[in-house]
PDB file of N, CA and C in Angstrom:
ATOM      1  N   UNK A   1      83.450 173.302 139.697  1.00  0.00           N
ATOM      2  CA  UNK A   1      83.760 173.312 141.118  1.00  0.00           C
ATOM      3  C   UNK A   1      85.264 173.141 141.350  1.00  0.00           C
ATOM      4  N   UNK A   2      85.881 172.238 140.557  1.00  0.00           N
ATOM      5  CA  UNK A   2      87.312 172.002 140.711  1.00  0.00           C
ATOM      6  C   UNK A   2      88.107 173.253 140.379  1.00  0.00           C
ATOM      7  N   UNK A   3      87.707 173.958 139.329  1.00  0.00           N
ATOM      8  CA  UNK A   3      88.397 175.200 138.964  1.00  0.00           C
ATOM      9  C   UNK A   3      88.257 176.246 140.065  1.00  0.00           C
ATOM     10  N   UNK A   4      87.094 176.320 140.671  1.00  0.00           N
ATOM     11  CA  UNK A   4      86.882 177.277 141.758  1.00  0.00           C
ATOM     12  C   UNK A   4      87.785 176.960 142.951  1.00  0.00           C
ATOM     13  N   UNK A   5      87.900 175.680 143.275  1.00  0.00           N
ATOM     14  CA  UNK A   5      88.777 175.284 144.379  1.00  0.00           C
ATOM     15  C   UNK A   5      90.236 175.573 144.047  1.00  0.00           C
ATOM     16  N   UNK A   6      90.622 175.316 142.804  1.00  0.00           N
ATOM     17  CA  UNK A   6      91.995 175.583 142.385  1.00  0.00           C
ATOM     18  C   UNK A   6      92.293 177.078 142.479  1.00  0.00           C
ATOM     19  N   UNK A   7      91.362 177.902 141.997  1.00  0.00           N
ATOM     20  CA  UNK A   7      91.555 179.353 142.067  1.00  0.00           C
ATOM     21  C   UNK A   7      91.611 179.829 143.514  1.00  0.00           C
ATOM     22  N   UNK A   8      90.758 179.267 144.356  1.00  0.00           N
ATOM     23  CA  UNK A   8      90.762 179.644 145.771  1.00  0.00           C
ATOM     24  C   UNK A   8      92.097 179.274 146.417  1.00  0.00           C
ATOM     25  N   UNK A   9      92.618 178.108 146.075  1.00  0.00           N
ATOM     26  CA  UNK A   9      93.907 177.680 146.623  1.00  0.00           C
ATOM     27  C   UNK A   9      95.031 178.586 146.124  1.00  0.00           C
ATOM     28  N   UNK A  10      94.981 178.964 144.855  1.00  0.00           N
ATOM     29  CA  UNK A  10      95.996 179.871 144.306  1.00  0.00           C
ATOM     30  C   UNK A  10      95.925 181.235 144.989  1.00  0.00           C
ATOM     31  N   UNK A  11      94.712 181.735 145.183  1.00  0.00           N
ATOM     32  CA  UNK A  11      94.543 183.023 145.867  1.00  0.00           C
ATOM     33  C   UNK A  11      95.069 182.953 147.301  1.00  0.00           C
ATOM     34  N   UNK A  12      94.791 181.849 147.968  1.00  0.00           N
ATOM     35  CA  UNK A  12      95.272 181.675 149.344  1.00  0.00           C
ATOM     36  C   UNK A  12      96.800 181.640 149.366  1.00  0.00           C
ATOM     37  N   UNK A  13      97.392 180.917 148.424  1.00  0.00           N
ATOM     38  CA  UNK A  13      98.852 180.834 148.344  1.00  0.00           C
ATOM     39  C   UNK A  13      99.453 182.204 148.087  1.00  0.00           C
ATOM     40  N   UNK A  14      98.835 182.971 147.180  1.00  0.00           N
ATOM     41  CA  UNK A  14      99.322 184.330 146.894  1.00  0.00           C
ATOM     42  C   UNK A  14      99.192 185.227 148.119  1.00  0.00           C
ATOM     43  N   UNK A  15      98.081 185.101 148.833  1.00  0.00           N
ATOM     44  CA  UNK A  15      97.872 185.924 150.028  1.00  0.00           C
ATOM     45  C   UNK A  15      98.898 185.585 151.110  1.00  0.00           C
ATOM     46  N   UNK A  16      99.191 184.310 151.271  1.00  0.00           N
ATOM     47  CA  UNK A  16     100.190 183.899 152.262  1.00  0.00           C
ATOM     48  C   UNK A  16     101.561 184.437 151.872  1.00  0.00           C
ATOM     49  N   UNK A  17     101.910 184.349 150.595  1.00  0.00           N
ATOM     50  CA  UNK A  17     103.204 184.859 150.126  1.00  0.00           C
ATOM     51  C   UNK A  17     103.299 186.367 150.341  1.00  0.00           C
ATOM     52  N   UNK A  18     102.218 187.079 150.070  1.00  0.00           N
ATOM     53  CA  UNK A  18     102.214 188.534 150.270  1.00  0.00           C
ATOM     54  C   UNK A  18     102.356 188.872 151.750  1.00  0.00           C
ATOM     55  N   UNK A  19     101.696 188.110 152.608  1.00  0.00           N
ATOM     56  CA  UNK A  19     101.799 188.350 154.049  1.00  0.00           C
ATOM     57  C   UNK A  19     103.217 188.083 154.541  1.00  0.00           C
ATOM     58  N   UNK A  20     103.849 187.032 154.027  1.00  0.00           N
ATOM     59  CA  UNK A  20     105.240 186.740 154.405  1.00  0.00           C
ATOM     60  C   UNK A  20     106.168 187.862 153.966  1.00  0.00           C
ATOM     61  N   UNK A  21     105.966 188.328 152.736  1.00  0.00           N
ATOM     62  CA  UNK A  21     106.808 189.405 152.215  1.00  0.00           C
ATOM     63  C   UNK A  21     106.634 190.672 153.061  1.00  0.00           C
ATOM     64  N   UNK A  22     105.403 190.988 153.413  1.00  0.00           N
ATOM     65  CA  UNK A  22     105.142 192.168 154.243  1.00  0.00           C
ATOM     66  C   UNK A  22     105.786 192.010 155.620  1.00  0.00           C
ATOM     67  N   UNK A  23     105.702 190.822 156.196  1.00  0.00           N
ATOM     68  CA  UNK A  23     106.307 190.581 157.510  1.00  0.00           C
ATOM     69  C   UNK A  23     107.823 190.723 157.439  1.00  0.00           C
ATOM     70  N   UNK A  24     108.429 190.229 156.365  1.00  0.00           N
ATOM     71  CA  UNK A  24     109.877 190.369 156.192  1.00  0.00           C
ATOM     72  C   UNK A  24     110.265 191.838 156.055  1.00  0.00           C
ATOM     73  N   UNK A  25     109.473 192.601 155.307  1.00  0.00           N
ATOM     74  CA  UNK A  25     109.751 194.028 155.125  1.00  0.00           C
ATOM     75  C   UNK A  25     109.652 194.768 156.459  1.00  0.00           C
ATOM     76  N   UNK A  26     108.631 194.456 157.232  1.00  0.00           N
ATOM     77  CA  UNK A  26     108.462 195.087 158.542  1.00  0.00           C
ATOM     78  C   UNK A  26     109.639 194.743 159.451  1.00  0.00           C
ATOM     79  N   UNK A  27     110.060 193.481 159.444  1.00  0.00           N
ATOM     80  CA  UNK A  27     111.185 193.061 160.281  1.00  0.00           C
ATOM     81  C   UNK A  27     112.464 193.773 159.861  1.00  0.00           C
ATOM     82  N   UNK A  28     112.684 193.904 158.548  1.00  0.00           N
ATOM     83  CA  UNK A  28     113.876 194.592 158.051  1.00  0.00           C
ATOM     84  C   UNK A  28     113.867 196.051 158.470  1.00  0.00           C
ATOM     85  N   UNK A  29     112.728 196.720 158.300  1.00  0.00           N
ATOM     86  CA  UNK A  29     112.628 198.130 158.689  1.00  0.00           C
ATOM     87  C   UNK A  29     112.836 198.301 160.190  1.00  0.00           C
ATOM     88  N   UNK A  30     112.326 197.371 160.972  1.00  0.00           N
ATOM     89  CA  UNK A  30     112.496 197.435 162.430  1.00  0.00           C
ATOM     90  C   UNK A  30     113.970 197.280 162.798  1.00  0.00           C
ATOM     91  N   UNK A  31     114.648 196.318 162.173  1.00  0.00           N
ATOM     92  CA  UNK A  31     116.074 196.118 162.445  1.00  0.00           C
ATOM     93  C   UNK A  31     116.879 197.360 162.079  1.00  0.00           C
ATOM     94  N   UNK A  32     116.559 197.974 160.935  1.00  0.00           N
ATOM     95  CA  UNK A  32     117.270 199.182 160.513  1.00  0.00           C
ATOM     96  C   UNK A  32     117.025 200.330 161.489  1.00  0.00           C
ATOM     97  N   UNK A  33     115.780 200.472 161.939  1.00  0.00           N
ATOM     98  CA  UNK A  33     115.450 201.543 162.890  1.00  0.00           C
ATOM     99  C   UNK A  33     116.188 201.338 164.204  1.00  0.00           C
ATOM    100  N   UNK A  34     116.203 200.107 164.694  1.00  0.00           N
ATOM    101  CA  UNK A  34     116.899 199.825 165.944  1.00  0.00           C
ATOM    102  C   UNK A  34     118.399 200.063 165.808  1.00  0.00           C
ATOM    103  N   UNK A  35     118.964 199.726 164.650  1.00  0.00           N
ATOM    104  CA  UNK A  35     120.393 199.964 164.428  1.00  0.00           C
ATOM    105  C   UNK A  35     120.689 201.462 164.429  1.00  0.00           C
ATOM    106  N   UNK A  36     119.804 202.252 163.811  1.00  0.00           N
ATOM    107  CA  UNK A  36     119.993 203.710 163.817  1.00  0.00           C
ATOM    108  C   UNK A  36     119.898 204.259 165.232  1.00  0.00           C
ATOM    109  N   UNK A  37     118.936 203.755 165.998  1.00  0.00           N
ATOM    110  CA  UNK A  37     118.770 204.226 167.372  1.00  0.00           C
ATOM    111  C   UNK A  37     119.987 203.879 168.223  1.00  0.00           C
ATOM    112  N   UNK A  38     120.548 202.695 168.015  1.00  0.00           N
ATOM    113  CA  UNK A  38     121.740 202.309 168.775  1.00  0.00           C
ATOM    114  C   UNK A  38     122.939 203.152 168.372  1.00  0.00           C
ATOM    115  N   UNK A  39     122.992 203.597 167.119  1.00  0.00           N
ATOM    116  CA  UNK A  39     124.119 204.389 166.634  1.00  0.00           C
ATOM    117  C   UNK A  39     124.020 205.844 167.066  1.00  0.00           C
ATOM    118  N   UNK A  40     122.828 206.295 167.441  1.00  0.00           N
ATOM    119  CA  UNK A  40     122.632 207.687 167.853  1.00  0.00           C
ATOM    120  C   UNK A  40     123.066 207.841 169.305  1.00  0.00           C
ATOM    121  N   UNK A  41     123.961 208.800 169.577  1.00  0.00           N
ATOM    122  CA  UNK A  41     124.397 208.978 170.965  1.00  0.00           C
ATOM    123  C   UNK A  41     123.241 209.429 171.857  1.00  0.00           C
ATOM    124  N   UNK A  42     123.272 208.974 173.076  1.00  0.00           N
ATOM    125  CA  UNK A  42     122.246 209.336 174.051  1.00  0.00           C
ATOM    126  C   UNK A  42     122.583 210.694 174.650  1.00  0.00           C
ATOM    127  N   UNK A  43     121.593 211.549 174.722  1.00  0.00           N
ATOM    128  CA  UNK A  43     121.790 212.876 175.302  1.00  0.00           C
ATOM    129  C   UNK A  43     121.604 212.758 176.806  1.00  0.00           C
ATOM    130  N   UNK A  44     122.590 213.232 177.543  1.00  0.00           N
ATOM    131  CA  UNK A  44     122.465 213.213 179.000  1.00  0.00           C
ATOM    132  C   UNK A  44     122.177 214.623 179.479  1.00  0.00           C
ATOM    133  N   UNK A  45     121.278 214.734 180.410  1.00  0.00           N
ATOM    134  CA  UNK A  45     120.896 216.050 180.929  1.00  0.00           C
ATOM    135  C   UNK A  45     121.937 216.529 181.932  1.00  0.00           C
ATOM    136  N   UNK A  46     122.215 217.814 181.884  1.00  0.00           N
ATOM    137  CA  UNK A  46     123.117 218.415 182.867  1.00  0.00           C
ATOM    138  C   UNK A  46     122.293 218.794 184.089  1.00  0.00           C
ATOM    139  N   UNK A  47     122.891 218.755 185.263  1.00  0.00           N
ATOM    140  CA  UNK A  47     122.131 219.132 186.461  1.00  0.00           C
ATOM    141  C   UNK A  47     121.723 220.602 186.401  1.00  0.00           C
ATOM    142  N   UNK A  48     120.562 220.908 186.945  1.00  0.00           N
ATOM    143  CA  UNK A  48     120.075 222.286 186.957  1.00  0.00           C
ATOM    144  C   UNK A  48     120.927 223.131 187.893  1.00  0.00           C
ATOM    145  N   UNK A  49     121.133 224.397 187.549  1.00  0.00           N
ATOM    146  CA  UNK A  49     121.926 225.264 188.424  1.00  0.00           C
ATOM    147  C   UNK A  49     121.174 225.541 189.727  1.00  0.00           C
ATOM    148  N   UNK A  50     121.925 225.835 190.749  1.00  0.00           N
ATOM    149  CA  UNK A  50     121.330 226.162 192.051  1.00  0.00           C
ATOM    150  C   UNK A  50     120.713 227.550 191.994  1.00  0.00           C
ATOM    151  N   UNK A  51     119.666 227.789 192.742  1.00  0.00           N
ATOM    152  CA  UNK A  51     119.082 229.118 192.846  1.00  0.00           C
ATOM    153  C   UNK A  51     117.980 229.359 191.842  1.00  0.00           C
ATOM    154  N   UNK A  52     117.421 230.594 191.861  1.00  0.00           N
ATOM    155  CA  UNK A  52     116.312 230.950 190.967  1.00  0.00           C
ATOM    156  C   UNK A  52     116.752 230.931 189.506  1.00  0.00           C
ATOM    157  N   UNK A  53     115.812 230.594 188.648  1.00  0.00           N
ATOM    158  CA  UNK A  53     116.082 230.553 187.213  1.00  0.00           C
ATOM    159  C   UNK A  53     115.236 231.626 186.549  1.00  0.00           C
ATOM    160  N   UNK A  54     115.805 232.383 185.621  1.00  0.00           N
ATOM    161  CA  UNK A  54     115.059 233.379 184.870  1.00  0.00           C
ATOM    162  C   UNK A  54     115.148 234.753 185.491  1.00  0.00           C
ATOM    163  N   UNK A  55     114.434 235.701 184.872  1.00  0.00           N
ATOM    164  CA  UNK A  55     114.518 237.090 185.320  1.00  0.00           C
ATOM    165  C   UNK A  55     113.452 237.434 186.356  1.00  0.00           C
ATOM    166  N   UNK A  56     112.612 236.508 186.730  1.00  0.00           N
ATOM    167  CA  UNK A  56     111.532 236.800 187.671  1.00  0.00           C
ATOM    168  C   UNK A  56     111.923 236.567 189.110  1.00  0.00           C
ATOM    169  N   UNK A  57     113.093 237.022 189.505  1.00  0.00           N
ATOM    170  CA  UNK A  57     113.544 236.828 190.885  1.00  0.00           C
ATOM    171  C   UNK A  57     112.722 237.691 191.845  1.00  0.00           C
ATOM    172  N   UNK A  58     112.517 237.193 193.038  1.00  0.00           N
ATOM    173  CA  UNK A  58     111.769 237.940 194.058  1.00  0.00           C
ATOM    174  C   UNK A  58     112.600 239.124 194.552  1.00  0.00           C
ATOM    175  N   UNK A  59     111.936 240.236 194.801  1.00  0.00           N
ATOM    176  CA  UNK A  59     112.651 241.444 195.276  1.00  0.00           C
ATOM    177  C   UNK A  59     112.325 241.737 196.707  1.00  0.00           C
TER     178      UNK A  59
END
């Protein structure tokens, strides 16, 4: 019984460590993505021209 409890505790400790590592990796990837997004210039739309657009003008 003692060995089973020890193994269960070791497994729990390993699972917690793996979860922490995964959370750190996710946080790092998120920070990198946000930094890339901040470094990318924002595209601003130009105002649409006045009048009909395209070749389908009314005759």
